[in-house]
PDB file of N, CA and C in Angstrom:
ATOM      1  N   VAL A   1     -45.824 -18.471-101.845  1.00  0.00           N
ATOM      2  CA  VAL A   1     -46.416 -19.662-102.373  1.00  0.00           C
ATOM      3  C   VAL A   1     -45.391 -20.880-102.302  1.00  0.00           C
ATOM      4  N   SER A   2     -45.921 -21.926-101.648  1.00  0.00           N
ATOM      5  CA  SER A   2     -45.142 -23.147-101.501  1.00  0.00           C
ATOM      6  C   SER A   2     -44.401 -23.585-102.635  1.00  0.00           C
ATOM      7  N   GLY A   3     -43.153 -23.843-102.541  1.00  0.00           N
ATOM      8  CA  GLY A   3     -42.300 -24.472-103.661  1.00  0.00           C
ATOM      9  C   GLY A   3     -41.661 -23.508-104.603  1.00  0.00           C
ATOM     10  N   GLU A   4     -41.986 -22.226-104.543  1.00  0.00           N
ATOM     11  CA  GLU A   4     -41.435 -21.075-105.470  1.00  0.00           C
ATOM     12  C   GLU A   4     -40.173 -20.616-104.655  1.00  0.00           C
ATOM     13  N   VAL A   5     -39.102 -20.273-105.505  1.00  0.00           N
ATOM     14  CA  VAL A   5     -37.855 -19.726-104.979  1.00  0.00           C
ATOM     15  C   VAL A   5     -37.938 -18.274-105.643  1.00  0.00           C
ATOM     16  N   TRP A   6     -37.824 -17.242-104.790  1.00  0.00           N
ATOM     17  CA  TRP A   6     -37.580 -15.932-105.163  1.00  0.00           C
ATOM     18  C   TRP A   6     -36.265 -15.415-105.039  1.00  0.00           C
ATOM     19  N   GLY A   7     -35.645 -15.112-106.069  1.00  0.00           N
ATOM     20  CA  GLY A   7     -34.366 -14.532-106.217  1.00  0.00           C
ATOM     21  C   GLY A   7     -33.217 -15.490-105.813  1.00  0.00           C
ATOM     22  N   THR A   8     -31.897 -15.023-105.517  1.00  0.00           N
ATOM     23  CA  THR A   8     -30.966 -15.805-105.129  1.00  0.00           C
ATOM     24  C   THR A   8     -30.684 -15.651-103.626  1.00  0.00           C
ATOM     25  N   PRO A   9     -30.539 -16.799-103.006  1.00  0.00           N
ATOM     26  CA  PRO A   9     -30.282 -16.761-101.540  1.00  0.00           C
ATOM     27  C   PRO A   9     -28.891 -15.939-101.402  1.00  0.00           C
ATOM     28  N   LEU A  10     -28.842 -15.157-100.347  1.00  0.00           N
ATOM     29  CA  LEU A  10     -27.566 -14.560 -99.889  1.00  0.00           C
ATOM     30  C   LEU A  10     -27.134 -15.280 -98.654  1.00  0.00           C
ATOM     31  N   ASN A  11     -25.847 -15.375 -98.790  1.00  0.00           N
ATOM     32  CA  ASN A  11     -24.912 -15.964 -97.623  1.00  0.00           C
ATOM     33  C   ASN A  11     -24.104 -14.703 -96.906  1.00  0.00           C
ATOM     34  N   PHE A  12     -24.371 -14.585 -95.656  1.00  0.00           N
ATOM     35  CA  PHE A  12     -23.477 -13.637 -94.859  1.00  0.00           C
ATOM     36  C   PHE A  12     -22.737 -14.317 -93.757  1.00  0.00           C
ATOM     37  N   THR A  13     -21.533 -13.765 -93.699  1.00  0.00           N
ATOM     38  CA  THR A  13     -20.647 -14.230 -92.569  1.00  0.00           C
ATOM     39  C   THR A  13     -20.698 -13.101 -91.518  1.00  0.00           C
ATOM     40  N   VAL A  14     -21.143 -13.461 -90.224  1.00  0.00           N
ATOM     41  CA  VAL A  14     -21.194 -12.453 -89.199  1.00  0.00           C
ATOM     42  C   VAL A  14     -20.105 -12.785 -88.210  1.00  0.00           C
ATOM     43  N   GLY A  15     -19.345 -11.694 -87.775  1.00  0.00           N
ATOM     44  CA  GLY A  15     -18.173 -12.027 -86.879  1.00  0.00           C
ATOM     45  C   GLY A  15     -16.969 -12.516 -87.422  1.00  0.00           C
ATOM     46  N   MET A  16     -16.157 -12.786 -86.590  1.00  0.00           N
ATOM     47  CA  MET A  16     -14.849 -13.403 -87.211  1.00  0.00           C
ATOM     48  C   MET A  16     -14.866 -15.007 -87.119  1.00  0.00           C
ATOM     49  N   ASN A  17     -14.101 -15.668 -87.929  1.00  0.00           N
ATOM     50  CA  ASN A  17     -14.300 -17.066 -87.936  1.00  0.00           C
ATOM     51  C   ASN A  17     -13.199 -17.606 -87.072  1.00  0.00           C
ATOM     52  N   ASP A  18     -13.283 -18.971 -86.634  1.00  0.00           N
ATOM     53  CA  ASP A  18     -12.237 -19.564 -85.614  1.00  0.00           C
ATOM     54  C   ASP A  18     -10.910 -19.552 -86.002  1.00  0.00           C
ATOM     55  N   ILE A  19     -10.604 -19.455 -87.505  1.00  0.00           N
ATOM     56  CA  ILE A  19      -9.217 -19.427 -88.041  1.00  0.00           C
ATOM     57  C   ILE A  19      -8.489 -18.203 -87.553  1.00  0.00           C
ATOM     58  N   GLU A  20      -9.365 -17.062 -87.536  1.00  0.00           N
ATOM     59  CA  GLU A  20      -8.692 -15.676 -87.144  1.00  0.00           C
ATOM     60  C   GLU A  20      -8.302 -15.895 -85.716  1.00  0.00           C
ATOM     61  N   PHE A  21      -9.173 -16.408 -84.876  1.00  0.00           N
ATOM     62  CA  PHE A  21      -8.863 -16.378 -83.485  1.00  0.00           C
ATOM     63  C   PHE A  21      -7.668 -17.399 -83.073  1.00  0.00           C
ATOM     64  N   GLU A  22      -7.592 -18.453 -83.874  1.00  0.00           N
ATOM     65  CA  GLU A  22      -6.712 -19.558 -83.589  1.00  0.00           C
ATOM     66  C   GLU A  22      -5.213 -18.980 -84.011  1.00  0.00           C
ATOM     67  N   SER A  23      -5.174 -18.091 -85.078  1.00  0.00           N
ATOM     68  CA  SER A  23      -3.883 -17.601 -85.607  1.00  0.00           C
ATOM     69  C   SER A  23      -3.412 -16.293 -85.074  1.00  0.00           C
ATOM     70  N   LEU A  24      -4.216 -15.752 -84.296  1.00  0.00           N
ATOM     71  CA  LEU A  24      -3.824 -14.424 -83.557  1.00  0.00           C
ATOM     72  C   LEU A  24      -4.327 -14.529 -82.178  1.00  0.00           C
ATOM     73  N   LYS A  25      -3.148 -14.903 -81.291  1.00  0.00           N
ATOM     74  CA  LYS A  25      -3.548 -14.861 -79.777  1.00  0.00           C
ATOM     75  C   LYS A  25      -2.947 -13.766 -79.246  1.00  0.00           C
ATOM     76  N   VAL A  26      -3.761 -13.122 -78.094  1.00  0.00           N
ATOM     77  CA  VAL A  26      -3.171 -12.163 -77.318  1.00  0.00           C
ATOM     78  C   VAL A  26      -3.315 -12.539 -75.907  1.00  0.00           C
ATOM     79  N   TYR A  27      -2.283 -12.114 -75.128  1.00  0.00           N
ATOM     80  CA  TYR A  27      -2.488 -12.340 -73.760  1.00  0.00           C
ATOM     81  C   TYR A  27      -1.183 -11.523 -72.948  1.00  0.00           C
ATOM     82  N   PRO A  28      -1.537 -11.404 -71.661  1.00  0.00           N
ATOM     83  CA  PRO A  28      -2.703 -11.664 -70.940  1.00  0.00           C
ATOM     84  C   PRO A  28      -3.818 -10.836 -71.237  1.00  0.00           C
ATOM     85  N   ASN A  29      -4.960 -11.133 -71.282  1.00  0.00           N
ATOM     86  CA  ASN A  29      -6.063 -10.315 -71.524  1.00  0.00           C
ATOM     87  C   ASN A  29      -7.112 -10.483 -70.506  1.00  0.00           C
ATOM     88  N   PRO A  30      -7.572  -9.458 -69.581  1.00  0.00           N
ATOM     89  CA  PRO A  30      -6.991  -8.128 -69.796  1.00  0.00           C
ATOM     90  C   PRO A  30      -5.475  -7.843 -69.442  1.00  0.00           C
ATOM     91  N   VAL A  31      -5.012  -6.673 -69.796  1.00  0.00           N
ATOM     92  CA  VAL A  31      -3.509  -6.486 -69.693  1.00  0.00           C
ATOM     93  C   VAL A  31      -3.294  -5.010 -69.004  1.00  0.00           C
ATOM     94  N   ASN A  32      -2.237  -5.099 -68.200  1.00  0.00           N
ATOM     95  CA  ASN A  32      -1.770  -3.859 -67.568  1.00  0.00           C
ATOM     96  C   ASN A  32      -0.697  -3.028 -68.319  1.00  0.00           C
ATOM     97  N   ASP A  33       0.416  -3.770 -68.676  1.00  0.00           N
ATOM     98  CA  ASP A  33       1.612  -3.174 -69.294  1.00  0.00           C
ATOM     99  C   ASP A  33       2.055  -3.671 -70.511  1.00  0.00           C
ATOM    100  N   ARG A  34       2.350  -5.002 -70.505  1.00  0.00           N
ATOM    101  CA  ARG A  34       2.988  -5.876 -71.689  1.00  0.00           C
ATOM    102  C   ARG A  34       2.066  -6.926 -72.231  1.00  0.00           C
ATOM    103  N   LEU A  35       1.711  -6.594 -73.458  1.00  0.00           N
ATOM    104  CA  LEU A  35       0.872  -7.551 -74.168  1.00  0.00           C
ATOM    105  C   LEU A  35       1.741  -8.501 -75.086  1.00  0.00           C
ATOM    106  N   ILE A  36       1.358  -9.804 -75.140  1.00  0.00           N
ATOM    107  CA  ILE A  36       2.118 -10.590 -75.992  1.00  0.00           C
ATOM    108  C   ILE A  36       1.020 -10.978 -77.143  1.00  0.00           C
ATOM    109  N   ILE A  37       1.658 -11.027 -78.371  1.00  0.00           N
ATOM    110  CA  ILE A  37       0.707 -11.312 -79.480  1.00  0.00           C
ATOM    111  C   ILE A  37       1.549 -12.487 -80.159  1.00  0.00           C
ATOM    112  N   ASN A  38       0.816 -13.661 -80.339  1.00  0.00           N
ATOM    113  CA  ASN A  38       1.209 -14.924 -81.133  1.00  0.00           C
ATOM    114  C   ASN A  38       0.560 -14.912 -82.368  1.00  0.00           C
ATOM    115  N   SER A  39       1.324 -15.118 -83.490  1.00  0.00           N
ATOM    116  CA  SER A  39       0.637 -15.322 -84.896  1.00  0.00           C
ATOM    117  C   SER A  39       1.696 -16.251 -85.598  1.00  0.00           C
ATOM    118  N   SER A  40       1.086 -17.389 -85.906  1.00  0.00           N
ATOM    119  CA  SER A  40       1.802 -18.369 -86.637  1.00  0.00           C
ATOM    120  C   SER A  40       1.618 -18.502 -88.140  1.00  0.00           C
ATOM    121  N   ASN A  41       0.625 -17.631 -88.595  1.00  0.00           N
ATOM    122  CA  ASN A  41       0.568 -17.628 -89.999  1.00  0.00           C
ATOM    123  C   ASN A  41       0.976 -16.667 -90.999  1.00  0.00           C
ATOM    124  N   LEU A  42       2.029 -15.884 -90.405  1.00  0.00           N
ATOM    125  CA  LEU A  42       2.689 -14.806 -91.181  1.00  0.00           C
ATOM    126  C   LEU A  42       3.574 -15.452 -92.364  1.00  0.00           C
ATOM    127  N   ASN A  43       3.255 -15.091 -93.707  1.00  0.00           N
ATOM    128  CA  ASN A  43       4.307 -15.721 -94.517  1.00  0.00           C
ATOM    129  C   ASN A  43       5.280 -14.523 -95.244  1.00  0.00           C
ATOM    130  N   SER A  44       4.967 -13.331 -94.783  1.00  0.00           N
ATOM    131  CA  SER A  44       5.836 -12.183 -95.282  1.00  0.00           C
ATOM    132  C   SER A  44       5.785 -10.984 -94.236  1.00  0.00           C
ATOM    133  N   GLU A  45       6.569 -10.079 -94.575  1.00  0.00           N
ATOM    134  CA  GLU A  45       6.396  -8.716 -93.714  1.00  0.00           C
ATOM    135  C   GLU A  45       4.961  -8.485 -93.758  1.00  0.00           C
ATOM    136  N   ALA A  46       4.363  -7.982 -92.466  1.00  0.00           N
ATOM    137  CA  ALA A  46       3.225  -7.587 -92.263  1.00  0.00           C
ATOM    138  C   ALA A  46       3.074  -6.253 -91.453  1.00  0.00           C
ATOM    139  N   ASP A  47       1.815  -5.619 -91.335  1.00  0.00           N
ATOM    140  CA  ASP A  47       1.722  -4.428 -90.774  1.00  0.00           C
ATOM    141  C   ASP A  47       0.725  -4.845 -89.530  1.00  0.00           C
ATOM    142  N   LEU A  48       1.289  -4.422 -88.250  1.00  0.00           N
ATOM    143  CA  LEU A  48       0.423  -4.501 -87.025  1.00  0.00           C
ATOM    144  C   LEU A  48      -0.039  -3.320 -86.652  1.00  0.00           C
ATOM    145  N   MET A  49      -1.418  -3.118 -86.410  1.00  0.00           N
ATOM    146  CA  MET A  49      -2.055  -1.811 -86.014  1.00  0.00           C
ATOM    147  C   MET A  49      -2.910  -2.140 -84.720  1.00  0.00           C
ATOM    148  N   VAL A  50      -3.002  -1.086 -83.942  1.00  0.00           N
ATOM    149  CA  VAL A  50      -3.826  -1.266 -82.762  1.00  0.00           C
ATOM    150  C   VAL A  50      -4.809  -0.127 -82.801  1.00  0.00           C
ATOM    151  N   PHE A  51      -6.139  -0.276 -82.724  1.00  0.00           N
ATOM    152  CA  PHE A  51      -7.127   0.849 -82.780  1.00  0.00           C
ATOM    153  C   PHE A  51      -7.880   0.831 -81.492  1.00  0.00           C
ATOM    154  N   ASP A  52      -8.318   2.106 -81.341  1.00  0.00           N
ATOM    155  CA  ASP A  52      -9.172   2.142 -80.048  1.00  0.00           C
ATOM    156  C   ASP A  52     -10.649   2.019 -80.522  1.00  0.00           C
ATOM    157  N   MET A  53     -11.725   2.164 -79.706  1.00  0.00           N
ATOM    158  CA  MET A  53     -12.981   1.726 -80.094  1.00  0.00           C
ATOM    159  C   MET A  53     -13.653   2.644 -80.782  1.00  0.00           C
ATOM    160  N   SER A  54     -13.053   4.040 -81.230  1.00  0.00           N
ATOM    161  CA  SER A  54     -13.650   4.890 -82.200  1.00  0.00           C
ATOM    162  C   SER A  54     -13.087   4.646 -83.642  1.00  0.00           C
ATOM    163  N   GLY A  55     -12.065   3.655 -83.583  1.00  0.00           N
ATOM    164  CA  GLY A  55     -11.402   3.287 -84.929  1.00  0.00           C
ATOM    165  C   GLY A  55     -10.105   4.033 -85.161  1.00  0.00           C
ATOM    166  N   LYS A  56      -9.726   4.944 -84.216  1.00  0.00           N
ATOM    167  CA  LYS A  56      -8.380   5.614 -84.464  1.00  0.00           C
ATOM    168  C   LYS A  56      -7.248   4.725 -84.187  1.00  0.00           C
ATOM    169  N   THR A  57      -6.312   4.895 -85.150  1.00  0.00           N
ATOM    170  CA  THR A  57      -5.053   4.199 -85.019  1.00  0.00           C
ATOM    171  C   THR A  57      -4.182   4.564 -83.919  1.00  0.00           C
ATOM    172  N   ILE A  58      -3.890   3.590 -82.946  1.00  0.00           N
ATOM    173  CA  ILE A  58      -3.144   4.072 -81.785  1.00  0.00           C
ATOM    174  C   ILE A  58      -1.700   3.586 -81.950  1.00  0.00           C
ATOM    175  N   MET A  59      -1.434   2.476 -82.624  1.00  0.00           N
ATOM    176  CA  MET A  59      -0.126   1.933 -82.921  1.00  0.00           C
ATOM    177  C   MET A  59      -0.103   1.440 -84.304  1.00  0.00           C
ATOM    178  N   ASN A  60       1.157   1.620 -85.001  1.00  0.00           N
ATOM    179  CA  ASN A  60       1.381   1.009 -86.088  1.00  0.00           C
ATOM    180  C   ASN A  60       2.898   0.579 -86.379  1.00  0.00           C
ATOM    181  N   ARG A  61       3.096  -0.664 -86.728  1.00  0.00           N
ATOM    182  CA  ARG A  61       4.478  -1.084 -86.895  1.00  0.00           C
ATOM    183  C   ARG A  61       4.509  -2.183 -87.786  1.00  0.00           C
ATOM    184  N   LYS A  62       5.768  -2.336 -88.319  1.00  0.00           N
ATOM    185  CA  LYS A  62       5.996  -3.436 -89.376  1.00  0.00           C
ATOM    186  C   LYS A  62       6.456  -4.609 -88.468  1.00  0.00           C
ATOM    187  N   ILE A  63       6.023  -5.866 -88.895  1.00  0.00           N
ATOM    188  CA  ILE A  63       6.624  -7.074 -88.350  1.00  0.00           C
ATOM    189  C   ILE A  63       7.039  -8.025 -89.316  1.00  0.00           C
ATOM    190  N   GLN A  64       8.130  -8.888 -88.880  1.00  0.00           N
ATOM    191  CA  GLN A  64       8.726  -9.794 -89.987  1.00  0.00           C
ATOM    192  C   GLN A  64       7.933 -11.237 -89.723  1.00  0.00           C
ATOM    193  N   GLN A  65       8.033 -11.811 -90.819  1.00  0.00           N
ATOM    194  CA  GLN A  65       7.327 -13.203 -90.928  1.00  0.00           C
ATOM    195  C   GLN A  65       7.935 -14.108 -89.747  1.00  0.00           C
ATOM    196  N   TRP A  66       9.174 -13.961 -89.322  1.00  0.00           N
ATOM    197  CA  TRP A  66       9.730 -14.820 -88.222  1.00  0.00           C
ATOM    198  C   TRP A  66       9.449 -14.553 -86.842  1.00  0.00           C
ATOM    199  N   ASP A  67       8.735 -13.092 -86.737  1.00  0.00           N
ATOM    200  CA  ASP A  67       8.182 -12.529 -85.546  1.00  0.00           C
ATOM    201  C   ASP A  67       7.054 -13.392 -85.161  1.00  0.00           C
ATOM    202  N   SER A  68       6.970 -14.489 -84.655  1.00  0.00           N
ATOM    203  CA  SER A  68       5.772 -15.324 -84.355  1.00  0.00           C
ATOM    204  C   SER A  68       5.326 -14.897 -82.896  1.00  0.00           C
ATOM    205  N   GLN A  69       6.257 -14.299 -82.231  1.00  0.00           N
ATOM    206  CA  GLN A  69       5.759 -13.692 -80.767  1.00  0.00           C
ATOM    207  C   GLN A  69       6.172 -12.191 -80.773  1.00  0.00           C
ATOM    208  N   ILE A  70       5.350 -11.429 -80.580  1.00  0.00           N
ATOM    209  CA  ILE A  70       5.561  -9.924 -80.376  1.00  0.00           C
ATOM    210  C   ILE A  70       5.185  -9.277 -79.104  1.00  0.00           C
ATOM    211  N   GLU A  71       5.950  -8.692 -78.515  1.00  0.00           N
ATOM    212  CA  GLU A  71       5.583  -7.928 -77.199  1.00  0.00           C
ATOM    213  C   GLU A  71       5.200  -6.653 -77.367  1.00  0.00           C
ATOM    214  N   LEU A  72       4.168  -6.029 -77.004  1.00  0.00           N
ATOM    215  CA  LEU A  72       3.758  -4.518 -77.068  1.00  0.00           C
ATOM    216  C   LEU A  72       3.698  -4.053 -75.688  1.00  0.00           C
ATOM    217  N   ASN A  73       4.349  -2.849 -75.544  1.00  0.00           N
ATOM    218  CA  ASN A  73       4.145  -2.105 -74.298  1.00  0.00           C
ATOM    219  C   ASN A  73       3.039  -1.209 -74.525  1.00  0.00           C
ATOM    220  N   VAL A  74       1.953  -1.566 -73.693  1.00  0.00           N
ATOM    221  CA  VAL A  74       0.645  -0.904 -73.810  1.00  0.00           C
ATOM    222  C   VAL A  74       0.436   0.118 -72.543  1.00  0.00           C
ATOM    223  N   SER A  75       1.476   0.023 -71.734  1.00  0.00           N
ATOM    224  CA  SER A  75       1.279   0.735 -70.434  1.00  0.00           C
ATOM    225  C   SER A  75       0.824   2.298 -70.589  1.00  0.00           C
ATOM    226  N   ASN A  76       1.094   2.928 -71.650  1.00  0.00           N
ATOM    227  CA  ASN A  76       0.654   4.282 -71.766  1.00  0.00           C
ATOM    228  C   ASN A  76      -0.646   4.444 -72.305  1.00  0.00           C
ATOM    229  N   LEU A  77      -1.470   3.317 -72.785  1.00  0.00           N
ATOM    230  CA  LEU A  77      -2.796   3.358 -73.292  1.00  0.00           C
ATOM    231  C   LEU A  77      -3.763   3.661 -72.099  1.00  0.00           C
ATOM    232  N   ASN A  78      -4.943   4.384 -72.494  1.00  0.00           N
ATOM    233  CA  ASN A  78      -6.001   4.469 -71.471  1.00  0.00           C
ATOM    234  C   ASN A  78      -6.737   3.267 -71.295  1.00  0.00           C
ATOM    235  N   ALA A  79      -7.466   2.939 -70.101  1.00  0.00           N
ATOM    236  CA  ALA A  79      -8.121   1.807 -69.845  1.00  0.00           C
ATOM    237  C   ALA A  79      -9.136   1.768 -70.968  1.00  0.00           C
ATOM    238  N   GLY A  80      -9.566   0.647 -71.486  1.00  0.00           N
ATOM    239  CA  GLY A  80     -10.581   0.503 -72.563  1.00  0.00           C
ATOM    240  C   GLY A  80     -10.224  -0.900 -73.282  1.00  0.00           C
ATOM    241  N   VAL A  81     -11.145  -0.942 -74.328  1.00  0.00           N
ATOM    242  CA  VAL A  81     -11.182  -2.140 -75.314  1.00  0.00           C
ATOM    243  C   VAL A  81     -10.557  -1.559 -76.484  1.00  0.00           C
ATOM    244  N   TYR A  82      -9.442  -2.449 -76.993  1.00  0.00           N
ATOM    245  CA  TYR A  82      -8.811  -1.907 -78.283  1.00  0.00           C
ATOM    246  C   TYR A  82      -8.756  -3.301 -79.079  1.00  0.00           C
ATOM    247  N   THR A  83      -8.635  -3.023 -80.531  1.00  0.00           N
ATOM    248  CA  THR A  83      -8.585  -4.142 -81.597  1.00  0.00           C
ATOM    249  C   THR A  83      -7.085  -4.144 -82.147  1.00  0.00           C
ATOM    250  N   ILE A  84      -6.590  -5.270 -82.289  1.00  0.00           N
ATOM    251  CA  ILE A  84      -5.299  -5.602 -82.878  1.00  0.00           C
ATOM    252  C   ILE A  84      -5.665  -5.997 -84.272  1.00  0.00           C
ATOM    253  N   GLN A  85      -4.952  -5.536 -85.223  1.00  0.00           N
ATOM    254  CA  GLN A  85      -5.121  -6.109 -86.708  1.00  0.00           C
ATOM    255  C   GLN A  85      -3.683  -6.408 -87.215  1.00  0.00           C
ATOM    256  N   ILE A  86      -3.540  -7.444 -87.743  1.00  0.00           N
ATOM    257  CA  ILE A  86      -2.285  -7.828 -88.645  1.00  0.00           C
ATOM    258  C   ILE A  86      -2.854  -8.046 -90.031  1.00  0.00           C
ATOM    259  N   VAL A  87      -2.235  -7.024 -91.019  1.00  0.00           N
ATOM    260  CA  VAL A  87      -2.441  -7.442 -92.282  1.00  0.00           C
ATOM    261  C   VAL A  87      -1.267  -7.918 -93.024  1.00  0.00           C
ATOM    262  N   ASN A  88      -1.408  -9.043 -93.648  1.00  0.00           N
ATOM    263  CA  ASN A  88      -0.249  -9.906 -94.130  1.00  0.00           C
ATOM    264  C   ASN A  88      -0.889 -10.172 -95.623  1.00  0.00           C
ATOM    265  N   GLY A  89      -0.507  -9.398 -96.639  1.00  0.00           N
ATOM    266  CA  GLY A  89      -0.895  -9.597 -97.832  1.00  0.00           C
ATOM    267  C   GLY A  89      -2.377  -9.438 -98.096  1.00  0.00           C
ATOM    268  N   GLN A  90      -3.151 -10.558 -98.542  1.00  0.00           N
ATOM    269  CA  GLN A  90      -4.471 -10.441 -98.411  1.00  0.00           C
ATOM    270  C   GLN A  90      -5.248 -10.964 -97.235  1.00  0.00           C
ATOM    271  N   GLN A  91      -4.369 -11.525 -96.237  1.00  0.00           N
ATOM    272  CA  GLN A  91      -4.844 -12.127 -94.918  1.00  0.00           C
ATOM    273  C   GLN A  91      -5.013 -10.827 -93.933  1.00  0.00           C
ATOM    274  N   ILE A  92      -6.031 -10.792 -93.366  1.00  0.00           N
ATOM    275  CA  ILE A  92      -6.312  -9.885 -92.066  1.00  0.00           C
ATOM    276  C   ILE A  92      -6.713 -10.679 -90.959  1.00  0.00           C
ATOM    277  N   LEU A  93      -5.876 -10.521 -89.895  1.00  0.00           N
ATOM    278  CA  LEU A  93      -5.966 -11.263 -88.693  1.00  0.00           C
ATOM    279  C   LEU A  93      -6.457 -10.148 -87.579  1.00  0.00           C
ATOM    280  N   THR A  94      -7.436 -10.540 -86.852  1.00  0.00           N
ATOM    281  CA  THR A  94      -8.010  -9.377 -85.933  1.00  0.00           C
ATOM    282  C   THR A  94      -8.275 -10.289 -84.448  1.00  0.00           C
ATOM    283  N   ASN A  95      -8.156  -9.392 -83.409  1.00  0.00           N
ATOM    284  CA  ASN A  95      -8.569  -9.919 -82.289  1.00  0.00           C
ATOM    285  C   ASN A  95      -8.729  -8.430 -81.300  1.00  0.00           C
ATOM    286  N   LYS A  96      -9.037  -8.833 -80.012  1.00  0.00           N
ATOM    287  CA  LYS A  96      -9.305  -7.483 -79.144  1.00  0.00           C
ATOM    288  C   LYS A  96      -8.704  -7.774 -77.757  1.00  0.00           C
ATOM    289  N   PHE A  97      -8.426  -6.758 -77.119  1.00  0.00           N
ATOM    290  CA  PHE A  97      -7.889  -6.822 -75.859  1.00  0.00           C
ATOM    291  C   PHE A  97      -8.374  -5.711 -74.946  1.00  0.00           C
ATOM    292  N   ILE A  98      -8.398  -5.995 -73.789  1.00  0.00           N
ATOM    293  CA  ILE A  98      -8.828  -5.085 -72.754  1.00  0.00           C
ATOM    294  C   ILE A  98      -7.591  -4.565 -71.939  1.00  0.00           C
ATOM    295  N   LYS A  99      -7.436  -3.005 -71.890  1.00  0.00           N
ATOM    296  CA  LYS A  99      -6.442  -2.416 -71.191  1.00  0.00           C
ATOM    297  C   LYS A  99      -7.056  -1.931 -69.840  1.00  0.00           C
ATOM    298  N   LEU A 100      -6.310  -2.437 -68.751  1.00  0.00           N
ATOM    299  CA  LEU A 100      -6.724  -2.021 -67.327  1.00  0.00           C
ATOM    300  C   LEU A 100      -5.909  -0.722 -67.029  1.00  0.00           C
ATOM    301  N   GLU A 101      -6.368  -0.020 -65.810  1.00  0.00           N
ATOM    302  CA  GLU A 101      -5.649   0.999 -65.430  1.00  0.00           C
ATOM    303  C   GLU A 101      -4.279   0.600 -64.900  1.00  0.00           C
TER     304      GLU A 101
END
């Protein structure tokens, strides 16, 4: 019926917002052996994790707030798509990279 409101509107966020992409950059992408990760928003020690497409944790390490550029050796990973996640307190930064043979 025109003009009637049913229930409370729901707001959903789909995907990752631009802030996450701006604050966690990975290159070169695709990569063969050495992946560079830049994050400028760390305010304390953080956890860096790499997941394969099934969600299995492939790498896990602590990084310090002054580690604005991190180099990861990914030469031993199989070719495929991986997700990088940095957990810094309540903040979670996420990006993806492609590993070539």
